[in-house]
């Protein structure tokens, strides 16, 4: 994709998002409380129990749910919803790819992911899609949209997402699946990166345009003056949060670097290229694809052939595990 078009798509998406932000003065972001929470041993516990998965009886065994292992203050957010696209025969004997969506990406979760699931089924691979905390049917009605950064809520949401990914991984392995891999985009790649740093049970991970660290990218690109005025204060807040596990470069993956794939959009206006390059360096230079696309192109399926290329990268890693078991 030509650079001007890729950047225009990203810039337009940023402006659309910031136009919906309230212009009221931001409340205290509570970075110190967030850091204190992240230092608690139960925020990212060492042990993880398998999820108690239940399938909806009227949905052909595709839709499932389970109680979150790390409850929030909102009851509506404490049930995890997902979909399992199974292989036709003996699905428990085949590997699983867990797809993790980006922030607020309704089209990706409801339309693109099912297409990837069916494609993987033809390759005898299972696919699971998982709704992140506070997304889709998990978003409480009483929680209004806000453009203010609440660091404590960001930290609790991230650790809740990691706990749910790990619980799902435990259930899939308990069912007999020989390998579980994570494929995340944007926010989902950020969660996948944190999960792979604390769970050696994962076979491999694909991080597409990952949000490597806290960064006020919307405020930096926004044209609304009331949003841009927040930039300096948010930079200071992000610097504090980046001293924690929310910064992927502060941790090391628990799996071999040969099983890690980073995908970078050269024209990405959401995720700074230097952040992805820093992650690549700090994680020992795993395989990285630098594509001539922006964030929207990499994450929303506008990069021609990218899905097939990722599946070709994953297939030998997953099938080798199947053979060994």
Protein backbone atom coordinates (compact mmCIF):
# COMPACT_ATOMS: atom_id res chain seq x y z
CA UNK A 1 0.00 0.00 0.00
CA UNK A 2 1.33 3.47 -0.86
CA UNK A 3 2.44 5.48 2.16
CA UNK A 4 0.02 8.45 1.79
CA UNK A 5 -3.02 6.15 1.65
CA UNK A 6 -1.85 4.04 4.58
CA UNK A 7 -1.24 7.12 6.72
CA UNK A 8 -4.54 8.69 5.67
CA UNK A 9 -6.43 5.59 6.82
CA UNK A 10 -4.68 5.68 10.20
CA UNK A 11 -5.08 9.45 10.60
CA UNK A 12 -8.79 9.25 9.78
CA UNK A 13 -9.33 6.47 12.30
CA UNK A 14 -7.59 8.52 14.99
CA UNK A 15 -9.69 11.62 14.27
CA UNK A 16 -12.90 9.58 14.31
CA UNK A 17 -11.96 8.18 17.72
CA UNK A 18 -10.92 11.51 19.27
CA UNK A 19 -14.05 13.27 17.99
CA UNK A 20 -16.06 10.98 20.27
CA UNK A 21 -13.98 11.86 23.31
CA UNK A 22 -15.51 14.22 25.88
CA UNK A 23 -14.00 17.69 26.08
CA UNK A 24 -14.33 17.89 29.85
CA UNK A 25 -11.27 18.16 32.04
CA UNK A 26 -9.68 14.80 32.75
CA UNK A 27 -9.87 13.37 36.23
CA UNK A 28 -6.82 12.17 38.12
CA UNK A 29 -5.35 9.24 36.13
CA UNK A 30 -4.13 7.46 39.32
CA UNK A 31 -0.76 6.16 38.01
CA UNK A 32 0.62 5.52 41.51
CA UNK A 33 -2.37 3.36 42.38
CA UNK A 34 -1.93 1.44 39.13
CA UNK A 35 1.75 0.77 39.86
CA UNK A 36 0.91 -0.35 43.39
CA UNK A 37 -1.72 -2.74 42.02
CA UNK A 38 0.66 -4.21 39.42
CA UNK A 39 3.22 -4.95 42.14
CA UNK A 40 0.73 -7.06 44.07
CA UNK A 41 1.42 -10.82 43.71
CA UNK A 42 -2.18 -11.61 42.80
CA UNK A 43 -2.36 -9.11 39.91
CA UNK A 44 -0.44 -11.53 37.66
CA UNK A 45 -0.40 -14.78 39.67
CA UNK A 46 2.05 -17.57 38.89
CA UNK A 47 -0.61 -20.29 39.01
CA UNK A 48 -3.61 -20.42 36.67
CA UNK A 49 -6.59 -22.77 36.88
CA UNK A 50 -8.38 -24.02 33.74
CA UNK A 51 -11.50 -22.09 32.80
CA UNK A 52 -14.92 -23.56 33.64
CA UNK A 53 -16.20 -23.45 30.07
CA UNK A 54 -19.88 -23.93 29.28
CA UNK A 55 -21.27 -24.03 25.74
CA UNK A 56 -24.60 -22.47 24.77
CA UNK A 57 -26.90 -25.40 23.91
CA UNK A 58 -28.69 -23.54 21.11
CA UNK A 59 -25.58 -22.43 19.19
CA UNK A 60 -24.29 -25.71 17.74
CA UNK A 61 -21.49 -25.89 20.26
CA UNK A 62 -19.72 -22.79 18.93
CA UNK A 63 -20.50 -20.08 21.48
CA UNK A 64 -19.21 -20.54 25.01
CA UNK A 65 -18.75 -18.64 28.24
CA UNK A 66 -16.94 -18.95 31.55
CA UNK A 67 -16.61 -16.87 34.72
CA UNK A 68 -13.58 -14.62 34.70
CA UNK A 69 -10.83 -15.76 37.08
CA UNK A 70 -10.21 -12.12 38.02
CA UNK A 71 -13.54 -10.37 38.67
CA UNK A 72 -13.99 -6.64 38.18
CA UNK A 73 -16.34 -4.18 39.88
CA UNK A 74 -18.92 -4.64 37.11
CA UNK A 75 -20.98 -7.83 37.10
CA UNK A 76 -21.63 -7.56 33.37
CA UNK A 77 -17.90 -7.74 32.68
CA UNK A 78 -17.30 -10.85 34.77
CA UNK A 79 -18.52 -13.40 32.25
CA UNK A 80 -16.11 -14.20 29.41
CA UNK A 81 -17.64 -14.89 26.00
CA UNK A 82 -15.98 -16.64 23.08
CA UNK A 83 -16.45 -18.90 20.09
CA UNK A 84 -14.78 -22.19 19.24
CA UNK A 85 -14.44 -23.14 15.58
CA UNK A 86 -13.65 -26.85 15.78
CA UNK A 87 -12.10 -29.22 13.32
CA UNK A 88 -14.66 -31.69 12.00
CA UNK A 89 -13.18 -34.77 13.63
CA UNK A 90 -11.39 -35.25 16.95
CA UNK A 91 -10.92 -31.53 17.51
CA UNK A 92 -9.23 -32.22 20.87
CA UNK A 93 -6.33 -33.83 18.98
CA UNK A 94 -5.62 -30.73 16.89
CA UNK A 95 -3.82 -27.47 17.77
CA UNK A 96 -5.67 -24.25 18.57
CA UNK A 97 -5.13 -20.66 17.46
CA UNK A 98 -6.59 -18.07 19.86
CA UNK A 99 -7.46 -14.82 18.04
CA UNK A 100 -7.34 -11.64 20.14
CA UNK A 101 -8.99 -8.53 18.69
CA UNK A 102 -8.03 -4.86 18.87
CA UNK A 103 -9.69 -2.16 20.98
CA UNK A 104 -13.33 -1.75 20.05
CA UNK A 105 -12.87 -3.63 16.79
CA UNK A 106 -16.40 -4.95 16.27
CA UNK A 107 -16.00 -5.76 12.52
CA UNK A 108 -12.84 -7.76 13.09
CA UNK A 109 -14.27 -9.83 15.93
CA UNK A 110 -17.66 -10.51 14.35
CA UNK A 111 -16.79 -10.76 10.65
CA UNK A 112 -13.07 -11.24 9.91
CA UNK A 113 -12.29 -13.69 12.72
CA UNK A 114 -15.05 -16.16 11.69
CA UNK A 115 -13.59 -16.20 8.17
CA UNK A 116 -10.14 -16.96 9.58
CA UNK A 117 -11.70 -19.67 11.75
CA UNK A 118 -13.27 -21.48 8.82
CA UNK A 119 -10.07 -21.22 6.83
CA UNK A 120 -8.10 -22.73 9.69
CA UNK A 121 -10.63 -25.56 10.05
CA UNK A 122 -9.87 -26.56 6.45
CA UNK A 123 -6.24 -26.81 7.54
CA UNK A 124 -7.28 -29.02 10.49
CA UNK A 125 -6.59 -26.26 13.01
CA UNK A 126 -9.04 -25.14 15.68
CA UNK A 127 -9.68 -21.45 16.28
CA UNK A 128 -10.98 -19.69 19.37
CA UNK A 129 -12.09 -16.06 19.47
CA UNK A 130 -12.28 -14.32 22.82
CA UNK A 131 -14.07 -11.07 23.72
CA UNK A 132 -11.73 -8.86 25.75
CA UNK A 133 -12.85 -7.27 29.03
CA UNK A 134 -15.30 -4.36 28.63
CA UNK A 135 -15.91 -5.19 24.97
CA UNK A 136 -19.11 -6.05 23.10
CA UNK A 137 -21.62 -7.85 25.33
CA UNK A 138 -19.23 -7.49 28.27
CA UNK A 139 -19.45 -3.68 28.38
CA UNK A 140 -21.62 -2.61 31.34
CA UNK A 141 -24.41 -0.18 30.52
CA UNK A 142 -23.51 2.04 33.44
CA UNK A 143 -19.96 2.48 32.15
CA UNK A 144 -20.08 5.52 29.87
CA UNK A 145 -17.59 6.21 27.10
CA UNK A 146 -14.69 8.32 28.29
CA UNK A 147 -11.55 9.76 26.80
CA UNK A 148 -9.92 10.16 30.21
CA UNK A 149 -7.05 7.87 31.10
CA UNK A 150 -7.71 5.92 34.29
CA UNK A 151 -4.44 4.09 34.86
CA UNK A 152 -5.78 1.85 37.60
CA UNK A 153 -8.62 0.65 35.37
CA UNK A 154 -6.19 0.10 32.47
CA UNK A 155 -3.96 -2.01 34.73
CA UNK A 156 -6.88 -4.04 36.13
CA UNK A 157 -8.34 -4.58 32.66
CA UNK A 158 -5.01 -5.80 31.28
CA UNK A 159 -4.40 -8.25 34.12
CA UNK A 160 -7.98 -9.51 33.83
CA UNK A 161 -7.46 -10.14 30.11
CA UNK A 162 -4.22 -12.04 30.79
CA UNK A 163 -5.88 -14.16 33.47
CA UNK A 164 -8.68 -15.07 31.05
CA UNK A 165 -6.26 -15.99 28.25
CA UNK A 166 -4.32 -18.23 30.61
CA UNK A 167 -7.47 -19.86 31.98
CA UNK A 168 -8.67 -20.59 28.45
CA UNK A 169 -5.24 -22.01 27.57
CA UNK A 170 -5.45 -24.32 30.57
CA UNK A 171 -8.89 -25.56 29.53
CA UNK A 172 -7.80 -26.23 25.93
CA UNK A 173 -4.75 -28.19 27.09
CA UNK A 174 -6.85 -30.09 29.62
CA UNK A 175 -9.24 -31.07 26.81
CA UNK A 176 -6.28 -32.67 25.03
CA UNK A 177 -5.29 -30.07 22.42
CA UNK A 178 -1.56 -30.55 21.80
CA UNK A 179 -0.70 -26.88 21.27
CA UNK A 180 -2.14 -23.41 21.84
CA UNK A 181 -0.92 -20.32 20.03
CA UNK A 182 -1.96 -16.68 20.42
CA UNK A 183 -2.50 -14.37 17.45
CA UNK A 184 -3.25 -10.84 18.57
CA UNK A 185 -3.67 -7.54 16.76
CA UNK A 186 -3.07 -4.10 18.29
CA UNK A 187 -4.50 -4.24 21.83
CA UNK A 188 -4.92 -8.01 21.44
CA UNK A 189 -1.23 -8.27 20.53
CA UNK A 190 -0.37 -6.28 23.65
CA UNK A 191 -2.36 -8.74 25.79
CA UNK A 192 -0.79 -11.69 23.94
CA UNK A 193 2.67 -10.27 24.59
CA UNK A 194 2.02 -9.99 28.32
CA UNK A 195 0.53 -13.48 28.41
CA UNK A 196 3.50 -15.10 26.66
CA UNK A 197 5.83 -13.52 29.23
CA UNK A 198 4.19 -15.48 32.06
CA UNK A 199 2.96 -18.70 30.44
CA UNK A 200 5.46 -21.22 29.06
CA UNK A 201 2.62 -23.56 28.04
CA UNK A 202 2.00 -21.53 24.88
CA UNK A 203 3.38 -22.98 21.68
CA UNK A 204 3.87 -19.73 19.74
CA UNK A 205 2.66 -16.15 19.46
CA UNK A 206 1.97 -13.69 16.65
CA UNK A 207 1.94 -9.99 17.56
CA UNK A 208 0.52 -7.85 14.74
CA UNK A 209 1.08 -4.11 15.25
CA UNK A 210 1.41 -4.61 19.01
CA UNK A 211 0.85 -1.79 21.48
CA UNK A 212 4.29 -2.29 23.04
CA UNK A 213 4.06 0.31 25.81
CA UNK A 214 1.81 3.08 27.06
CA UNK A 215 1.86 5.92 24.54
CA UNK A 216 -0.48 8.95 24.12
CA UNK A 217 -0.78 8.35 20.38
CA UNK A 218 -4.32 9.71 20.05
CA UNK A 219 -3.53 12.96 21.81
CA UNK A 220 -0.40 13.38 19.70
CA UNK A 221 -2.26 13.04 16.39
CA UNK A 222 -5.59 14.63 17.34
CA UNK A 223 -6.67 17.88 15.70
CA UNK A 224 -9.08 18.85 18.50
CA UNK A 225 -7.32 21.42 20.73
CA UNK A 226 -8.99 20.12 23.91
CA UNK A 227 -7.54 16.67 23.25
CA UNK A 228 -4.06 17.91 22.33
CA UNK A 229 -3.87 19.95 25.56
CA UNK A 230 -3.76 16.68 27.47
CA UNK A 231 -0.62 15.53 25.68
CA UNK A 232 2.09 16.73 28.07
CA UNK A 233 0.36 15.43 31.18
CA UNK A 234 -0.33 12.05 29.61
CA UNK A 235 3.28 11.70 28.50
CA UNK A 236 4.36 11.97 32.13
CA UNK A 237 1.73 9.42 33.19
CA UNK A 238 2.81 6.99 30.46
CA UNK A 239 6.44 7.26 31.54
CA UNK A 240 5.44 6.09 35.01
CA UNK A 241 3.32 3.19 33.73
CA UNK A 242 6.08 2.06 31.40
CA UNK A 243 8.11 1.07 34.46
CA UNK A 244 5.66 -1.80 34.96
CA UNK A 245 4.68 -5.02 33.17
CA UNK A 246 2.42 -2.95 30.90
CA UNK A 247 5.62 -2.23 28.97
CA UNK A 248 6.40 -5.40 27.00
CA UNK A 249 10.09 -4.52 26.81
CA UNK A 250 10.31 -4.81 30.63
CA UNK A 251 9.67 -8.59 30.53
CA UNK A 252 11.03 -11.58 28.66
CA UNK A 253 8.93 -14.21 26.84
CA UNK A 254 8.62 -17.64 28.42
CA UNK A 255 8.88 -19.41 25.04
CA UNK A 256 11.68 -19.71 22.48
CA UNK A 257 12.19 -16.72 20.18
CA UNK A 258 11.89 -19.02 17.14
CA UNK A 259 8.20 -19.29 18.00
CA UNK A 260 7.61 -15.53 18.16
CA UNK A 261 6.54 -13.43 15.17
CA UNK A 262 6.32 -9.62 15.20
CA UNK A 263 4.49 -7.76 12.43
CA UNK A 264 5.24 -4.06 12.04
CA UNK A 265 3.46 -1.54 9.83
CA UNK A 266 6.08 0.80 8.41
CA UNK A 267 3.51 3.61 8.05
CA UNK A 268 1.75 2.96 11.38
CA UNK A 269 0.49 6.16 13.06
CA UNK A 270 -0.95 4.31 16.08
CA UNK A 271 2.09 2.34 17.22
CA UNK A 272 5.48 4.07 16.86
CA UNK A 273 7.91 1.99 14.78
CA UNK A 274 10.61 2.56 17.37
CA UNK A 275 8.44 0.83 19.98
CA UNK A 276 8.18 -2.34 17.88
CA UNK A 277 11.90 -2.17 17.09
CA UNK A 278 12.67 -1.83 20.81
CA UNK A 279 10.56 -4.92 21.49
CA UNK A 280 12.35 -6.82 18.74
CA UNK A 281 15.71 -5.92 20.27
CA UNK A 282 14.75 -6.61 23.89
CA UNK A 283 13.24 -10.01 23.03
CA UNK A 284 16.41 -11.20 21.31
CA UNK A 285 15.47 -10.38 17.70
CA UNK A 286 12.74 -12.91 16.89
CA UNK A 287 11.36 -13.02 13.36
CA UNK A 288 9.87 -9.69 12.30
CA UNK A 289 7.96 -8.68 9.19
CA UNK A 290 8.14 -4.99 8.31
CA UNK A 291 5.22 -4.37 5.97
CA UNK A 292 4.49 -1.26 3.84
CA UNK A 293 1.15 -0.65 5.58
CA UNK A 294 -0.34 1.38 8.39
CA UNK A 295 -2.02 0.18 11.56
CA UNK A 296 -5.41 -0.20 9.90
CA UNK A 297 -3.89 -2.12 7.02
CA UNK A 298 -2.08 -4.62 9.24
CA UNK A 299 -4.90 -5.11 11.75
CA UNK A 300 -8.04 -5.01 9.59
CA UNK A 301 -7.16 -7.34 6.76
CA UNK A 302 -6.14 -4.75 4.16
CA UNK A 303 -2.67 -6.25 3.73
CA UNK A 304 -3.14 -8.71 0.83
CA UNK A 305 -2.08 -12.26 1.61
CA UNK A 306 -1.11 -11.54 5.22
CA UNK A 307 -3.50 -14.07 6.78
CA UNK A 308 -2.22 -16.88 4.57
CA UNK A 309 1.37 -15.92 5.22
CA UNK A 310 0.85 -16.01 9.00
CA UNK A 311 -0.87 -19.40 8.78
CA UNK A 312 2.03 -20.78 6.74
CA UNK A 313 4.40 -19.53 9.45
CA UNK A 314 2.31 -21.16 12.20
CA UNK A 315 1.53 -24.48 10.52
CA UNK A 316 4.91 -26.22 10.90
CA UNK A 317 5.23 -25.11 14.52
CA UNK A 318 1.79 -26.41 15.45
CA UNK A 319 2.00 -29.61 13.41
CA UNK A 320 5.46 -30.48 14.73
CA UNK A 321 3.99 -30.34 18.21
CA UNK A 322 1.13 -32.58 17.13
CA UNK A 323 3.59 -35.11 15.74
CA UNK A 324 5.62 -35.15 18.93
CA UNK A 325 2.57 -35.80 21.07
